[in-house]
């Protein structure tokens, strides 16, 4: 398999992953979960930290780690979508390069 085929395969995989994630995150179930579970949990944990309701440093660090982990659930899908969009651009550029060769 030559380098061009490897690039095409990698771009196709990134595009496919982005489409899958975009389809999943556009479902009403996902949006309900984000709006009614994830976001309120993040707000609650952040409020606890900022108002000093956390009594120990250990619990504070655990809570901060949980916030970061939960935020990853909502931020990571957009990274897949951005990667897919970038792969589309690169695949198009590669195709234009091949056509001009």
PDB file of N, CA and C in Angstrom:
ATOM      1  N   UNK A   1       0.860  -1.178   0.000  1.00  0.00           N
ATOM      2  CA  UNK A   1       0.000   0.000   0.000  1.00  0.00           C
ATOM      3  C   UNK A   1       0.903   1.236   0.000  1.00  0.00           C
ATOM      4  N   UNK A   2       0.683   2.114  -0.929  1.00  0.00           N
ATOM      5  CA  UNK A   2       1.542   3.295  -0.996  1.00  0.00           C
ATOM      6  C   UNK A   2       1.031   4.397  -0.065  1.00  0.00           C
ATOM      7  N   UNK A   3       1.803   5.451   0.016  1.00  0.00           N
ATOM      8  CA  UNK A   3       1.501   6.543   0.946  1.00  0.00           C
ATOM      9  C   UNK A   3       0.173   7.231   0.637  1.00  0.00           C
ATOM     10  N   UNK A   4      -0.156   7.386  -0.631  1.00  0.00           N
ATOM     11  CA  UNK A   4      -1.402   8.052  -0.998  1.00  0.00           C
ATOM     12  C   UNK A   4      -2.599   7.224  -0.538  1.00  0.00           C
ATOM     13  N   UNK A   5      -2.523   5.926  -0.713  1.00  0.00           N
ATOM     14  CA  UNK A   5      -3.604   5.057  -0.248  1.00  0.00           C
ATOM     15  C   UNK A   5      -3.739   5.094   1.276  1.00  0.00           C
ATOM     16  N   UNK A   6      -2.605   5.149   1.958  1.00  0.00           N
ATOM     17  CA  UNK A   6      -2.639   5.245   3.418  1.00  0.00           C
ATOM     18  C   UNK A   6      -3.309   6.537   3.861  1.00  0.00           C
ATOM     19  N   UNK A   7      -2.980   7.642   3.192  1.00  0.00           N
ATOM     20  CA  UNK A   7      -3.604   8.919   3.524  1.00  0.00           C
ATOM     21  C   UNK A   7      -5.103   8.882   3.255  1.00  0.00           C
ATOM     22  N   UNK A   8      -5.485   8.350   2.100  1.00  0.00           N
ATOM     23  CA  UNK A   8      -6.902   8.252   1.767  1.00  0.00           C
ATOM     24  C   UNK A   8      -7.654   7.437   2.818  1.00  0.00           C
ATOM     25  N   UNK A   9      -7.067   6.330   3.237  1.00  0.00           N
ATOM     26  CA  UNK A   9      -7.691   5.472   4.239  1.00  0.00           C
ATOM     27  C   UNK A   9      -7.833   6.202   5.571  1.00  0.00           C
ATOM     28  N   UNK A  10      -6.783   6.905   5.967  1.00  0.00           N
ATOM     29  CA  UNK A  10      -6.819   7.645   7.233  1.00  0.00           C
ATOM     30  C   UNK A  10      -7.878   8.749   7.185  1.00  0.00           C
ATOM     31  N   UNK A  11      -7.933   9.485   6.072  1.00  0.00           N
ATOM     32  CA  UNK A  11      -8.931  10.549   5.936  1.00  0.00           C
ATOM     33  C   UNK A  11     -10.341   9.972   5.933  1.00  0.00           C
ATOM     34  N   UNK A  12     -10.530   8.866   5.218  1.00  0.00           N
ATOM     35  CA  UNK A  12     -11.854   8.237   5.161  1.00  0.00           C
ATOM     36  C   UNK A  12     -12.304   7.785   6.550  1.00  0.00           C
ATOM     37  N   UNK A  13     -11.383   7.233   7.326  1.00  0.00           N
ATOM     38  CA  UNK A  13     -11.706   6.792   8.692  1.00  0.00           C
ATOM     39  C   UNK A  13     -12.094   7.981   9.564  1.00  0.00           C
ATOM     40  N   UNK A  14     -11.343   9.066   9.483  1.00  0.00           N
ATOM     41  CA  UNK A  14     -11.644  10.259  10.281  1.00  0.00           C
ATOM     42  C   UNK A  14     -13.000  10.842   9.889  1.00  0.00           C
ATOM     43  N   UNK A  15     -13.286  10.861   8.601  1.00  0.00           N
ATOM     44  CA  UNK A  15     -14.566  11.384   8.125  1.00  0.00           C
ATOM     45  C   UNK A  15     -15.711  10.511   8.613  1.00  0.00           C
ATOM     46  N   UNK A  16     -15.546   9.209   8.516  1.00  0.00           N
ATOM     47  CA  UNK A  16     -16.584   8.274   8.970  1.00  0.00           C
ATOM     48  C   UNK A  16     -16.820   8.399  10.474  1.00  0.00           C
ATOM     49  N   UNK A  17     -15.743   8.489  11.255  1.00  0.00           N
ATOM     50  CA  UNK A  17     -15.883   8.652  12.705  1.00  0.00           C
ATOM     51  C   UNK A  17     -16.625   9.948  13.032  1.00  0.00           C
ATOM     52  N   UNK A  18     -16.279  11.015  12.331  1.00  0.00           N
ATOM     53  CA  UNK A  18     -16.948  12.293  12.548  1.00  0.00           C
ATOM     54  C   UNK A  18     -18.430  12.223  12.242  1.00  0.00           C
ATOM     55  N   UNK A  19     -18.787  11.531  11.158  1.00  0.00           N
ATOM     56  CA  UNK A  19     -20.202  11.379  10.801  1.00  0.00           C
ATOM     57  C   UNK A  19     -20.954  10.602  11.874  1.00  0.00           C
ATOM     58  N   UNK A  20     -20.342   9.532  12.371  1.00  0.00           N
ATOM     59  CA  UNK A  20     -20.986   8.725  13.410  1.00  0.00           C
ATOM     60  C   UNK A  20     -21.225   9.541  14.678  1.00  0.00           C
ATOM     61  N   UNK A  21     -20.200  10.279  15.089  1.00  0.00           N
ATOM     62  CA  UNK A  21     -20.312  11.097  16.296  1.00  0.00           C
ATOM     63  C   UNK A  21     -21.353  12.197  16.101  1.00  0.00           C
ATOM     64  N   UNK A  22     -21.332  12.820  14.932  1.00  0.00           N
ATOM     65  CA  UNK A  22     -22.299  13.883  14.658  1.00  0.00           C
ATOM     66  C   UNK A  22     -23.727  13.346  14.680  1.00  0.00           C
ATOM     67  N   UNK A  23     -23.939  12.164  14.118  1.00  0.00           N
ATOM     68  CA  UNK A  23     -25.270  11.555  14.147  1.00  0.00           C
ATOM     69  C   UNK A  23     -25.701  11.251  15.584  1.00  0.00           C
ATOM     70  N   UNK A  24     -24.780  10.708  16.371  1.00  0.00           N
ATOM     71  CA  UNK A  24     -25.099  10.353  17.755  1.00  0.00           C
ATOM     72  C   UNK A  24     -25.414  11.595  18.587  1.00  0.00           C
ATOM     73  N   UNK A  25     -24.596  12.630  18.445  1.00  0.00           N
ATOM     74  CA  UNK A  25     -24.784  13.817  19.275  1.00  0.00           C
ATOM     75  C   UNK A  25     -25.942  14.697  18.804  1.00  0.00           C
ATOM     76  N   UNK A  26     -26.535  14.372  17.681  1.00  0.00           N
ATOM     77  CA  UNK A  26     -27.702  15.135  17.239  1.00  0.00           C
ATOM     78  C   UNK A  26     -29.014  14.463  17.655  1.00  0.00           C
ATOM     79  N   UNK A  27     -28.927  13.341  18.336  1.00  0.00           N
ATOM     80  CA  UNK A  27     -30.148  12.665  18.781  1.00  0.00           C
ATOM     81  C   UNK A  27     -30.765  13.407  19.967  1.00  0.00           C
ATOM     82  N   UNK A  28     -32.061  13.287  20.093  1.00  0.00           N
ATOM     83  CA  UNK A  28     -32.752  13.956  21.200  1.00  0.00           C
ATOM     84  C   UNK A  28     -32.339  13.355  22.542  1.00  0.00           C
ATOM     85  N   UNK A  29     -32.028  12.065  22.564  1.00  0.00           N
ATOM     86  CA  UNK A  29     -31.599  11.418  23.812  1.00  0.00           C
ATOM     87  C   UNK A  29     -30.286  12.012  24.306  1.00  0.00           C
ATOM     88  N   UNK A  30     -29.340  12.186  23.398  1.00  0.00           N
ATOM     89  CA  UNK A  30     -28.045  12.762  23.767  1.00  0.00           C
ATOM     90  C   UNK A  30     -28.239  14.183  24.290  1.00  0.00           C
ATOM     91  N   UNK A  31     -29.006  14.975  23.552  1.00  0.00           N
ATOM     92  CA  UNK A  31     -29.218  16.361  23.967  1.00  0.00           C
ATOM     93  C   UNK A  31     -29.937  16.445  25.302  1.00  0.00           C
ATOM     94  N   UNK A  32     -30.904  15.564  25.532  1.00  0.00           N
ATOM     95  CA  UNK A  32     -31.583  15.534  26.830  1.00  0.00           C
ATOM     96  C   UNK A  32     -30.577  15.202  27.931  1.00  0.00           C
ATOM     97  N   UNK A  33     -29.742  14.200  27.695  1.00  0.00           N
ATOM     98  CA  UNK A  33     -28.763  13.780  28.693  1.00  0.00           C
ATOM     99  C   UNK A  33     -27.800  14.913  29.020  1.00  0.00           C
ATOM    100  N   UNK A  34     -27.330  15.601  27.999  1.00  0.00           N
ATOM    101  CA  UNK A  34     -26.420  16.725  28.222  1.00  0.00           C
ATOM    102  C   UNK A  34     -27.124  17.825  29.003  1.00  0.00           C
ATOM    103  N   UNK A  35     -28.334  18.186  28.584  1.00  0.00           N
ATOM    104  CA  UNK A  35     -29.064  19.298  29.202  1.00  0.00           C
ATOM    105  C   UNK A  35     -29.567  18.992  30.611  1.00  0.00           C
ATOM    106  N   UNK A  36     -29.953  17.743  30.863  1.00  0.00           N
ATOM    107  CA  UNK A  36     -30.585  17.421  32.139  1.00  0.00           C
ATOM    108  C   UNK A  36     -29.707  16.654  33.126  1.00  0.00           C
ATOM    109  N   UNK A  37     -28.594  16.127  32.664  1.00  0.00           N
ATOM    110  CA  UNK A  37     -27.731  15.369  33.576  1.00  0.00           C
ATOM    111  C   UNK A  37     -26.325  15.980  33.636  1.00  0.00           C
ATOM    112  N   UNK A  38     -25.676  16.064  32.487  1.00  0.00           N
ATOM    113  CA  UNK A  38     -24.275  16.488  32.489  1.00  0.00           C
ATOM    114  C   UNK A  38     -24.113  17.946  32.921  1.00  0.00           C
ATOM    115  N   UNK A  39     -24.799  18.856  32.244  1.00  0.00           N
ATOM    116  CA  UNK A  39     -24.645  20.281  32.563  1.00  0.00           C
ATOM    117  C   UNK A  39     -25.045  20.616  34.001  1.00  0.00           C
ATOM    118  N   UNK A  40     -26.187  20.115  34.508  1.00  0.00           N
ATOM    119  CA  UNK A  40     -26.514  20.392  35.909  1.00  0.00           C
ATOM    120  C   UNK A  40     -25.485  19.809  36.887  1.00  0.00           C
ATOM    121  N   UNK A  41     -24.939  18.661  36.572  1.00  0.00           N
ATOM    122  CA  UNK A  41     -23.923  18.064  37.438  1.00  0.00           C
ATOM    123  C   UNK A  41     -22.679  18.939  37.484  1.00  0.00           C
ATOM    124  N   UNK A  42     -22.245  19.407  36.331  1.00  0.00           N
ATOM    125  CA  UNK A  42     -21.076  20.288  36.283  1.00  0.00           C
ATOM    126  C   UNK A  42     -21.351  21.564  37.081  1.00  0.00           C
ATOM    127  N   UNK A  43     -22.527  22.144  36.890  1.00  0.00           N
ATOM    128  CA  UNK A  43     -22.882  23.376  37.626  1.00  0.00           C
ATOM    129  C   UNK A  43     -22.912  23.128  39.125  1.00  0.00           C
ATOM    130  N   UNK A  44     -23.476  22.003  39.541  1.00  0.00           N
ATOM    131  CA  UNK A  44     -23.554  21.680  40.962  1.00  0.00           C
ATOM    132  C   UNK A  44     -22.163  21.501  41.561  1.00  0.00           C
ATOM    133  N   UNK A  45     -21.331  20.715  40.901  1.00  0.00           N
ATOM    134  CA  UNK A  45     -19.981  20.479  41.422  1.00  0.00           C
ATOM    135  C   UNK A  45     -19.169  21.770  41.456  1.00  0.00           C
ATOM    136  N   UNK A  46     -19.302  22.581  40.421  1.00  0.00           N
ATOM    137  CA  UNK A  46     -18.574  23.851  40.378  1.00  0.00           C
ATOM    138  C   UNK A  46     -19.047  24.766  41.501  1.00  0.00           C
ATOM    139  N   UNK A  47     -20.349  24.804  41.715  1.00  0.00           N
ATOM    140  CA  UNK A  47     -20.909  25.621  42.788  1.00  0.00           C
ATOM    141  C   UNK A  47     -20.390  25.175  44.150  1.00  0.00           C
ATOM    142  N   UNK A  48     -20.320  23.880  44.362  1.00  0.00           N
ATOM    143  CA  UNK A  48     -19.795  23.357  45.631  1.00  0.00           C
ATOM    144  C   UNK A  48     -18.360  23.809  45.865  1.00  0.00           C
ATOM    145  N   UNK A  49     -17.566  23.761  44.813  1.00  0.00           N
ATOM    146  CA  UNK A  49     -16.165  24.163  44.945  1.00  0.00           C
ATOM    147  C   UNK A  49     -16.059  25.658  45.224  1.00  0.00           C
ATOM    148  N   UNK A  50     -16.780  26.455  44.437  1.00  0.00           N
ATOM    149  CA  UNK A  50     -16.665  27.908  44.550  1.00  0.00           C
ATOM    150  C   UNK A  50     -17.261  28.470  45.830  1.00  0.00           C
ATOM    151  N   UNK A  51     -18.229  27.784  46.419  1.00  0.00           N
ATOM    152  CA  UNK A  51     -18.837  28.288  47.654  1.00  0.00           C
ATOM    153  C   UNK A  51     -18.167  27.724  48.905  1.00  0.00           C
ATOM    154  N   UNK A  52     -17.164  26.890  48.743  1.00  0.00           N
ATOM    155  CA  UNK A  52     -16.424  26.373  49.878  1.00  0.00           C
ATOM    156  C   UNK A  52     -17.129  25.247  50.617  1.00  0.00           C
ATOM    157  N   UNK A  53     -18.058  24.576  49.968  1.00  0.00           N
ATOM    158  CA  UNK A  53     -18.772  23.473  50.621  1.00  0.00           C
ATOM    159  C   UNK A  53     -17.942  22.201  50.694  1.00  0.00           C
ATOM    160  N   UNK A  54     -16.843  22.164  49.972  1.00  0.00           N
ATOM    161  CA  UNK A  54     -15.950  21.006  50.006  1.00  0.00           C
ATOM    162  C   UNK A  54     -15.040  21.171  51.221  1.00  0.00           C
ATOM    163  N   UNK A  55     -15.029  20.173  52.076  1.00  0.00           N
ATOM    164  CA  UNK A  55     -14.345  20.315  53.352  1.00  0.00           C
ATOM    165  C   UNK A  55     -12.865  19.945  53.337  1.00  0.00           C
ATOM    166  N   UNK A  56     -12.444  19.105  52.406  1.00  0.00           N
ATOM    167  CA  UNK A  56     -11.039  18.701  52.417  1.00  0.00           C
ATOM    168  C   UNK A  56     -10.403  18.951  51.055  1.00  0.00           C
ATOM    169  N   UNK A  57      -9.092  19.092  51.079  1.00  0.00           N
ATOM    170  CA  UNK A  57      -8.361  19.284  49.828  1.00  0.00           C
ATOM    171  C   UNK A  57      -8.511  18.060  48.924  1.00  0.00           C
ATOM    172  N   UNK A  58      -8.501  16.889  49.525  1.00  0.00           N
ATOM    173  CA  UNK A  58      -8.634  15.656  48.740  1.00  0.00           C
ATOM    174  C   UNK A  58      -9.975  15.636  48.002  1.00  0.00           C
ATOM    175  N   UNK A  59     -11.035  15.950  48.713  1.00  0.00           N
ATOM    176  CA  UNK A  59     -12.359  15.964  48.082  1.00  0.00           C
ATOM    177  C   UNK A  59     -12.433  17.052  47.000  1.00  0.00           C
ATOM    178  N   UNK A  60     -11.796  18.181  47.254  1.00  0.00           N
ATOM    179  CA  UNK A  60     -11.763  19.268  46.276  1.00  0.00           C
ATOM    180  C   UNK A  60     -11.096  18.815  44.983  1.00  0.00           C
ATOM    181  N   UNK A  61      -9.940  18.152  45.107  1.00  0.00           N
ATOM    182  CA  UNK A  61      -9.228  17.671  43.920  1.00  0.00           C
ATOM    183  C   UNK A  61     -10.015  16.595  43.186  1.00  0.00           C
ATOM    184  N   UNK A  62     -10.661  15.730  43.946  1.00  0.00           N
ATOM    185  CA  UNK A  62     -11.489  14.694  43.323  1.00  0.00           C
ATOM    186  C   UNK A  62     -12.632  15.335  42.551  1.00  0.00           C
ATOM    187  N   UNK A  63     -13.285  16.315  43.153  1.00  0.00           N
ATOM    188  CA  UNK A  63     -14.407  16.998  42.511  1.00  0.00           C
ATOM    189  C   UNK A  63     -13.946  17.721  41.245  1.00  0.00           C
ATOM    190  N   UNK A  64     -12.794  18.362  41.301  1.00  0.00           N
ATOM    191  CA  UNK A  64     -12.254  19.053  40.119  1.00  0.00           C
ATOM    192  C   UNK A  64     -11.945  18.050  39.001  1.00  0.00           C
ATOM    193  N   UNK A  65     -11.403  16.907  39.370  1.00  0.00           N
ATOM    194  CA  UNK A  65     -11.128  15.865  38.380  1.00  0.00           C
ATOM    195  C   UNK A  65     -12.407  15.334  37.765  1.00  0.00           C
ATOM    196  N   UNK A  66     -13.431  15.193  38.580  1.00  0.00           N
ATOM    197  CA  UNK A  66     -14.712  14.725  38.061  1.00  0.00           C
ATOM    198  C   UNK A  66     -15.305  15.744  37.085  1.00  0.00           C
ATOM    199  N   UNK A  67     -15.173  17.023  37.402  1.00  0.00           N
ATOM    200  CA  UNK A  67     -15.671  18.066  36.499  1.00  0.00           C
ATOM    201  C   UNK A  67     -14.947  17.988  35.162  1.00  0.00           C
ATOM    202  N   UNK A  68     -13.622  17.862  35.207  1.00  0.00           N
ATOM    203  CA  UNK A  68     -12.857  17.783  33.959  1.00  0.00           C
ATOM    204  C   UNK A  68     -13.240  16.547  33.157  1.00  0.00           C
ATOM    205  N   UNK A  69     -13.424  15.432  33.832  1.00  0.00           N
ATOM    206  CA  UNK A  69     -13.816  14.201  33.143  1.00  0.00           C
ATOM    207  C   UNK A  69     -15.197  14.305  32.522  1.00  0.00           C
ATOM    208  N   UNK A  70     -16.122  14.890  33.253  1.00  0.00           N
ATOM    209  CA  UNK A  70     -17.481  15.038  32.730  1.00  0.00           C
ATOM    210  C   UNK A  70     -17.488  16.004  31.552  1.00  0.00           C
ATOM    211  N   UNK A  71     -16.708  17.071  31.635  1.00  0.00           N
ATOM    212  CA  UNK A  71     -16.636  18.027  30.524  1.00  0.00           C
ATOM    213  C   UNK A  71     -16.103  17.365  29.260  1.00  0.00           C
ATOM    214  N   UNK A  72     -15.207  16.402  29.426  1.00  0.00           N
ATOM    215  CA  UNK A  72     -14.667  15.698  28.264  1.00  0.00           C
ATOM    216  C   UNK A  72     -15.773  14.980  27.490  1.00  0.00           C
ATOM    217  N   UNK A  73     -16.798  14.537  28.198  1.00  0.00           N
ATOM    218  CA  UNK A  73     -17.907  13.839  27.541  1.00  0.00           C
ATOM    219  C   UNK A  73     -18.567  14.742  26.512  1.00  0.00           C
ATOM    220  N   UNK A  74     -18.701  16.013  26.818  1.00  0.00           N
ATOM    221  CA  UNK A  74     -19.370  16.928  25.893  1.00  0.00           C
ATOM    222  C   UNK A  74     -18.407  17.608  24.932  1.00  0.00           C
ATOM    223  N   UNK A  75     -17.137  17.714  25.288  1.00  0.00           N
ATOM    224  CA  UNK A  75     -16.180  18.404  24.427  1.00  0.00           C
ATOM    225  C   UNK A  75     -15.543  17.483  23.387  1.00  0.00           C
ATOM    226  N   UNK A  76     -15.365  16.233  23.706  1.00  0.00           N
ATOM    227  CA  UNK A  76     -14.697  15.303  22.806  1.00  0.00           C
ATOM    228  C   UNK A  76     -15.434  15.096  21.483  1.00  0.00           C
ATOM    229  N   UNK A  77     -16.756  14.971  21.482  1.00  0.00           N
ATOM    230  CA  UNK A  77     -17.430  14.807  20.190  1.00  0.00           C
ATOM    231  C   UNK A  77     -17.134  15.924  19.197  1.00  0.00           C
ATOM    232  N   UNK A  78     -17.033  17.150  19.679  1.00  0.00           N
ATOM    233  CA  UNK A  78     -16.732  18.253  18.761  1.00  0.00           C
ATOM    234  C   UNK A  78     -15.334  18.114  18.173  1.00  0.00           C
ATOM    235  N   UNK A  79     -14.421  17.501  18.912  1.00  0.00           N
ATOM    236  CA  UNK A  79     -13.081  17.264  18.383  1.00  0.00           C
ATOM    237  C   UNK A  79     -13.119  16.261  17.231  1.00  0.00           C
ATOM    238  N   UNK A  80     -13.940  15.225  17.373  1.00  0.00           N
ATOM    239  CA  UNK A  80     -14.095  14.260  16.279  1.00  0.00           C
ATOM    240  C   UNK A  80     -14.669  14.939  15.041  1.00  0.00           C
ATOM    241  N   UNK A  81     -15.651  15.798  15.251  1.00  0.00           N
ATOM    242  CA  UNK A  81     -16.281  16.505  14.133  1.00  0.00           C
ATOM    243  C   UNK A  81     -15.290  17.449  13.475  1.00  0.00           C
ATOM    244  N   UNK A  82     -14.507  18.160  14.276  1.00  0.00           N
ATOM    245  CA  UNK A  82     -13.481  19.058  13.718  1.00  0.00           C
ATOM    246  C   UNK A  82     -12.426  18.273  12.941  1.00  0.00           C
ATOM    247  N   UNK A  83     -12.030  17.123  13.472  1.00  0.00           N
ATOM    248  CA  UNK A  83     -11.060  16.274  12.779  1.00  0.00           C
ATOM    249  C   UNK A  83     -11.624  15.786  11.457  1.00  0.00           C
ATOM    250  N   UNK A  84     -12.897  15.437  11.442  1.00  0.00           N
ATOM    251  CA  UNK A  84     -13.544  14.985  10.201  1.00  0.00           C
ATOM    252  C   UNK A  84     -13.575  16.104   9.171  1.00  0.00           C
ATOM    253  N   UNK A  85     -13.902  17.310   9.606  1.00  0.00           N
ATOM    254  CA  UNK A  85     -13.928  18.445   8.678  1.00  0.00           C
ATOM    255  C   UNK A  85     -12.544  18.735   8.110  1.00  0.00           C
ATOM    256  N   UNK A  86     -11.542  18.627   8.957  1.00  0.00           N
ATOM    257  CA  UNK A  86     -10.155  18.828   8.501  1.00  0.00           C
ATOM    258  C   UNK A  86      -9.750  17.727   7.524  1.00  0.00           C
ATOM    259  N   UNK A  87     -10.162  16.499   7.816  1.00  0.00           N
ATOM    260  CA  UNK A  87      -9.849  15.375   6.928  1.00  0.00           C
ATOM    261  C   UNK A  87     -10.516  15.563   5.565  1.00  0.00           C
ATOM    262  N   UNK A  88     -11.724  16.098   5.550  1.00  0.00           N
ATOM    263  CA  UNK A  88     -12.402  16.373   4.281  1.00  0.00           C
ATOM    264  C   UNK A  88     -11.592  17.358   3.442  1.00  0.00           C
ATOM    265  N   UNK A  89     -11.108  18.408   4.106  1.00  0.00           N
ATOM    266  CA  UNK A  89     -10.303  19.409   3.389  1.00  0.00           C
ATOM    267  C   UNK A  89      -9.019  18.791   2.848  1.00  0.00           C
ATOM    268  N   UNK A  90      -8.362  17.996   3.681  1.00  0.00           N
ATOM    269  CA  UNK A  90      -7.117  17.369   3.268  1.00  0.00           C
ATOM    270  C   UNK A  90      -7.346  16.358   2.154  1.00  0.00           C
ATOM    271  N   UNK A  91      -8.441  15.611   2.236  1.00  0.00           N
ATOM    272  CA  UNK A  91      -8.761  14.637   1.184  1.00  0.00           C
ATOM    273  C   UNK A  91      -9.028  15.346  -0.135  1.00  0.00           C
ATOM    274  N   UNK A  92      -9.714  16.466  -0.066  1.00  0.00           N
ATOM    275  CA  UNK A  92      -9.990  17.241  -1.280  1.00  0.00           C
ATOM    276  C   UNK A  92      -8.684  17.776  -1.865  1.00  0.00           C
ATOM    277  N   UNK A  93      -7.813  18.289  -1.019  1.00  0.00           N
ATOM    278  CA  UNK A  93      -6.511  18.787  -1.486  1.00  0.00           C
ATOM    279  C   UNK A  93      -5.687  17.661  -2.095  1.00  0.00           C
ATOM    280  N   UNK A  94      -5.721  16.498  -1.470  1.00  0.00           N
ATOM    281  CA  UNK A  94      -4.985  15.352  -1.994  1.00  0.00           C
ATOM    282  C   UNK A  94      -5.537  14.948  -3.359  1.00  0.00           C
ATOM    283  N   UNK A  95      -6.847  14.932  -3.473  1.00  0.00           N
ATOM    284  CA  UNK A  95      -7.469  14.573  -4.748  1.00  0.00           C
ATOM    285  C   UNK A  95      -7.090  15.575  -5.837  1.00  0.00           C
ATOM    286  N   UNK A  96      -7.071  16.853  -5.511  1.00  0.00           N
ATOM    287  CA  UNK A  96      -6.670  17.883  -6.469  1.00  0.00           C
ATOM    288  C   UNK A  96      -5.198  17.713  -6.863  1.00  0.00           C
ATOM    289  N   UNK A  97      -4.373  17.362  -5.882  1.00  0.00           N
ATOM    290  CA  UNK A  97      -2.956  17.138  -6.157  1.00  0.00           C
ATOM    291  C   UNK A  97      -2.770  15.963  -7.122  1.00  0.00           C
ATOM    292  N   UNK A  98      -3.515  14.887  -6.845  1.00  0.00           N
ATOM    293  CA  UNK A  98      -3.429  13.692  -7.700  1.00  0.00           C
ATOM    294  C   UNK A  98      -3.916  14.024  -9.112  1.00  0.00           C
ATOM    295  N   UNK A  99      -4.972  14.792  -9.220  1.00  0.00           N
ATOM    296  CA  UNK A  99      -5.522  15.155 -10.521  1.00  0.00           C
ATOM    297  C   UNK A  99      -4.549  16.026 -11.327  1.00  0.00           C
ATOM    298  N   UNK A 100      -3.767  16.830 -10.632  1.00  0.00           N
ATOM    299  CA  UNK A 100      -2.811  17.717 -11.308  1.00  0.00           C
ATOM    300  C   UNK A 100      -1.491  17.045 -11.626  1.00  0.00           C
ATOM    301  N   UNK A 101      -1.285  15.874 -11.111  1.00  0.00           N
ATOM    302  CA  UNK A 101      -0.024  15.148 -11.370  1.00  0.00           C
ATOM    303  C   UNK A 101       0.023  14.605 -12.773  1.00  0.00           C
TER     304      UNK A 101
END
